[in-house]
C-alpha atoms as a PDB file:
ATOM      1  CA  ARG A   1      16.628  29.681 -10.325  1.00  0.00           C
ATOM      2  CA  GLY A   2      15.001  27.290  -7.809  1.00  0.00           C
ATOM      3  CA  PRO A   3      12.651  24.320  -8.164  1.00  0.00           C
ATOM      4  CA  PRO A   4       9.111  25.042  -9.466  1.00  0.00           C
ATOM      5  CA  VAL A   5       6.668  26.172  -6.830  1.00  0.00           C
ATOM      6  CA  ILE A   6       3.665  23.805  -6.245  1.00  0.00           C
ATOM      7  CA  ASP A   7       0.366  25.505  -5.763  1.00  0.00           C
ATOM      8  CA  SER A   8      -1.988  23.210  -3.815  1.00  0.00           C
ATOM      9  CA  THR A   9      -4.937  25.443  -4.618  1.00  0.00           C
ATOM     10  CA  GLU A  10      -4.836  24.564  -8.323  1.00  0.00           C
ATOM     11  CA  GLY A  11      -7.273  21.894  -9.410  1.00  0.00           C
ATOM     12  CA  PHE A  12      -7.591  19.496 -12.318  1.00  0.00           C
ATOM     13  CA  TYR A  13     -11.143  18.497 -13.181  1.00  0.00           C
ATOM     14  CA  VAL A  14     -12.548  15.798 -15.425  1.00  0.00           C
ATOM     15  CA  VAL A  15     -16.034  15.423 -16.872  1.00  0.00           C
ATOM     16  CA  VAL A  16     -17.114  12.001 -18.028  1.00  0.00           C
ATOM     17  CA  ARG A  17     -20.257  10.921 -19.925  1.00  0.00           C
ATOM     18  CA  THR A  18     -21.443   7.368 -19.237  1.00  0.00           C
ATOM     19  CA  ARG A  19     -24.473   5.135 -19.020  1.00  0.00           C
ATOM     20  CA  VAL A  20     -25.884   2.864 -16.320  1.00  0.00           C
ATOM     21  CA  GLY A  21     -28.464   0.717 -18.086  1.00  0.00           C
ATOM     22  CA  SER A  22     -30.656   3.140 -19.989  1.00  0.00           C
ATOM     23  CA  HIS A  23     -29.752   6.117 -17.795  1.00  0.00           C
ATOM     24  CA  ARG A  24     -27.253   8.674 -19.171  1.00  0.00           C
ATOM     25  CA  LEU A  25     -24.898  10.241 -16.585  1.00  0.00           C
ATOM     26  CA  VAL A  26     -22.540  13.138 -16.609  1.00  0.00           C
ATOM     27  CA  LEU A  27     -19.955  12.819 -13.800  1.00  0.00           C
ATOM     28  CA  GLY A  28     -17.493  15.446 -12.672  1.00  0.00           C
ATOM     29  CA  ALA A  29     -14.554  14.973 -10.359  1.00  0.00           C
ATOM     30  CA  GLU A  30     -11.366  16.601  -9.157  1.00  0.00           C
ATOM     31  CA  VAL A  31      -8.320  14.495  -9.809  1.00  0.00           C
ATOM     32  CA  ASP A  32      -4.819  15.091  -8.616  1.00  0.00           C
ATOM     33  CA  SER A  33      -2.870  14.346 -11.743  1.00  0.00           C
ATOM     34  CA  ALA A  34      -3.102  13.423 -15.389  1.00  0.00           C
ATOM     35  CA  LYS A  35      -0.350  12.241 -17.681  1.00  0.00           C
ATOM     36  CA  LYS A  36      -1.018  12.126 -21.400  1.00  0.00           C
ATOM     37  CA  HIS A  37       0.422   9.658 -23.811  1.00  0.00           C
ATOM     38  CA  LYS A  38      -0.069   8.915 -27.482  1.00  0.00           C
ATOM     39  CA  GLU A  39      -2.438   6.157 -28.386  1.00  0.00           C
ATOM     40  CA  GLY A  40      -3.544   4.696 -31.734  1.00  0.00           C
ATOM     41  CA  GLN A  41      -2.426   5.288 -35.248  1.00  0.00           C
ATOM     42  CA  GLY A  42      -3.944   8.792 -35.468  1.00  0.00           C
ATOM     43  CA  GLY A  43      -1.829   9.915 -32.557  1.00  0.00           C
ATOM     44  CA  SER A  44      -4.993  10.626 -30.523  1.00  0.00           C
ATOM     45  CA  MET A  45      -4.289  11.607 -26.858  1.00  0.00           C
ATOM     46  CA  ARG A  46      -5.727   9.942 -23.800  1.00  0.00           C
ATOM     47  CA  ALA A  47      -5.141  10.982 -20.205  1.00  0.00           C
ATOM     48  CA  ASP A  48      -4.170   8.550 -17.507  1.00  0.00           C
ATOM     49  CA  TYR A  49      -5.643  10.027 -14.351  1.00  0.00           C
ATOM     50  CA  VAL A  50      -3.851   9.467 -11.051  1.00  0.00           C
ATOM     51  CA  GLU A  51      -5.135  10.065  -7.581  1.00  0.00           C
ATOM     52  CA  LEU A  52      -2.710  10.772  -4.682  1.00  0.00           C
ATOM     53  CA  LYS A  53      -3.635   9.663  -1.150  1.00  0.00           C
ATOM     54  CA  THR A  54      -1.958   9.393   2.229  1.00  0.00           C
ATOM     55  CA  SER A  55      -2.780   6.983   5.035  1.00  0.00           C
ATOM     56  CA  ARG A  56      -1.194   6.100   8.354  1.00  0.00           C
ATOM     57  CA  LEU A  57       1.080   3.081   8.487  1.00  0.00           C
ATOM     58  CA  MET A  58      -0.781   0.090   9.815  1.00  0.00           C
ATOM     59  CA  ASP A  59       0.591  -1.904  12.764  1.00  0.00           C
ATOM     60  CA  THR A  60      -2.281  -4.211  13.586  1.00  0.00           C
ATOM     61  CA  ALA A  61      -4.703  -6.526  11.780  1.00  0.00           C
ATOM     62  CA  MET A  62      -7.619  -4.316  12.971  1.00  0.00           C
ATOM     63  CA  GLN A  63      -6.042  -1.284  11.332  1.00  0.00           C
ATOM     64  CA  VAL A  64      -5.585  -3.216   8.060  1.00  0.00           C
ATOM     65  CA  GLU A  65      -9.229  -4.318   8.236  1.00  0.00           C
ATOM     66  CA  ARG A  66     -10.501  -0.801   8.762  1.00  0.00           C
ATOM     67  CA  PHE A  67      -8.269   0.494   5.895  1.00  0.00           C
ATOM     68  CA  GLU A  68      -9.604  -2.207   3.532  1.00  0.00           C
ATOM     69  CA  ARG A  69     -13.231  -1.786   4.627  1.00  0.00           C
ATOM     70  CA  ASP A  70     -13.474   2.016   4.994  1.00  0.00           C
ATOM     71  CA  LYS A  71     -10.775   3.710   2.933  1.00  0.00           C
ATOM     72  CA  LEU A  72     -10.493   1.437  -0.086  1.00  0.00           C
ATOM     73  CA  VAL A  73     -14.161   1.557  -0.793  1.00  0.00           C
ATOM     74  CA  LYS A  74     -14.202   5.366  -0.699  1.00  0.00           C
ATOM     75  CA  TRP A  75     -11.124   5.616  -2.884  1.00  0.00           C
ATOM     76  CA  TRP A  76     -12.614   3.196  -5.381  1.00  0.00           C
ATOM     77  CA  ALA A  77     -15.977   5.049  -5.402  1.00  0.00           C
ATOM     78  CA  GLN A  78     -14.201   8.335  -6.021  1.00  0.00           C
ATOM     79  CA  SER A  79     -11.844   7.041  -8.650  1.00  0.00           C
ATOM     80  CA  TYR A  80     -13.470   4.275 -10.720  1.00  0.00           C
ATOM     81  CA  PRO A  81     -16.479   6.022 -12.195  1.00  0.00           C
ATOM     82  CA  VAL A  82     -14.385   8.823 -13.743  1.00  0.00           C
ATOM     83  CA  GLY A  83     -11.610   6.623 -15.083  1.00  0.00           C
ATOM     84  CA  VAL A  84      -8.823   7.095 -12.498  1.00  0.00           C
ATOM     85  CA  GLN A  85      -6.659   4.027 -13.226  1.00  0.00           C
ATOM     86  CA  ASN A  86      -4.058   4.390 -10.517  1.00  0.00           C
ATOM     87  CA  ILE A  87      -3.964   5.518  -6.925  1.00  0.00           C
ATOM     88  CA  ILE A  88      -0.644   6.350  -5.358  1.00  0.00           C
ATOM     89  CA  VAL A  89      -0.615   5.980  -1.616  1.00  0.00           C
ATOM     90  CA  GLY A  90       1.971   7.445   0.732  1.00  0.00           C
ATOM     91  CA  PHE A  91       1.904   5.568   4.020  1.00  0.00           C
ATOM     92  CA  ARG A  92       2.980   7.992   6.810  1.00  0.00           C
ATOM     93  CA  ASP A  93       4.223   7.668  10.266  1.00  0.00           C
ATOM     94  CA  ASP A  94       2.745   9.552  13.308  1.00  0.00           C
ATOM     95  CA  GLU A  95       4.991  12.549  12.562  1.00  0.00           C
ATOM     96  CA  GLY A  96       3.468  12.811   9.082  1.00  0.00           C
ATOM     97  CA  ARG A  97       6.575  11.609   7.163  1.00  0.00           C
ATOM     98  CA  VAL A  98       5.906   9.221   4.300  1.00  0.00           C
ATOM     99  CA  GLN A  99       7.696   5.935   4.933  1.00  0.00           C
ATOM    100  CA  LYS A 100       6.327   3.810   2.061  1.00  0.00           C
ATOM    101  CA  VAL A 101       4.790   4.561  -1.312  1.00  0.00           C
ATOM    102  CA  GLN A 102       2.550   2.040  -2.991  1.00  0.00           C
ATOM    103  CA  GLU A 103       0.730   2.215  -6.336  1.00  0.00           C
ATOM    104  CA  MET A 104      -2.703   0.623  -6.470  1.00  0.00           C
ATOM    105  CA  LYS A 105      -4.779  -0.177  -9.520  1.00  0.00           C
ATOM    106  CA  THR A 106      -8.264   1.181  -9.033  1.00  0.00           C
ATOM    107  CA  GLN A 107      -9.850  -1.729 -10.876  1.00  0.00           C
ATOM    108  CA  SER A 108      -8.236  -4.255  -8.563  1.00  0.00           C
ATOM    109  CA  LEU A 109      -9.412  -2.747  -5.283  1.00  0.00           C
ATOM    110  CA  PRO A 110     -12.655  -4.809  -5.036  1.00  0.00           C
ATOM    111  CA  LYS A 111     -10.623  -7.975  -5.668  1.00  0.00           C
ATOM    112  CA  HIS A 112      -8.198  -6.962  -2.877  1.00  0.00           C
ATOM    113  CA  VAL A 113     -10.958  -7.387  -0.237  1.00  0.00           C
ATOM    114  CA  ALA A 114     -13.042 -10.085  -1.967  1.00  0.00           C
ATOM    115  CA  GLY A 115     -13.707 -13.091   0.210  1.00  0.00           C
ATOM    116  CA  LYS A 116     -12.794 -11.257   3.426  1.00  0.00           C
ATOM    117  CA  SER A 117     -15.345 -10.811   6.209  1.00  0.00           C
ATOM    118  CA  HIS A 118     -15.223  -7.025   5.689  1.00  0.00           C
ATOM    119  CA  ALA A 119     -15.545  -7.161   1.893  1.00  0.00           C
ATOM    120  CA  TRP A 120     -17.746  -4.558   0.249  1.00  0.00           C
END
């Protein structure tokens, strides 16, 4: 028996109710992964959502700036409102092979670019 087959057409969706001021919102999003763990005395379950991303390895300061200015803001906007706490990024070479994996905390992405000329 071989390893389990991964079906990239399967999706995991989350629906979140929230408020912005006096406005009630219902947000829906596709997320890549969720791991559940026990929390609290009653054994209630809470999901930790994880988003998986890839990006090209960066060789120059300009590439880093574009990554921080363009990609991070999109990743944050996709992940933060629906409670995705972690983004795992595979940095790939020009042949598409992942050379480095980095975990980023969604909540810390704005702080990552704060104070830079390209901050959002």
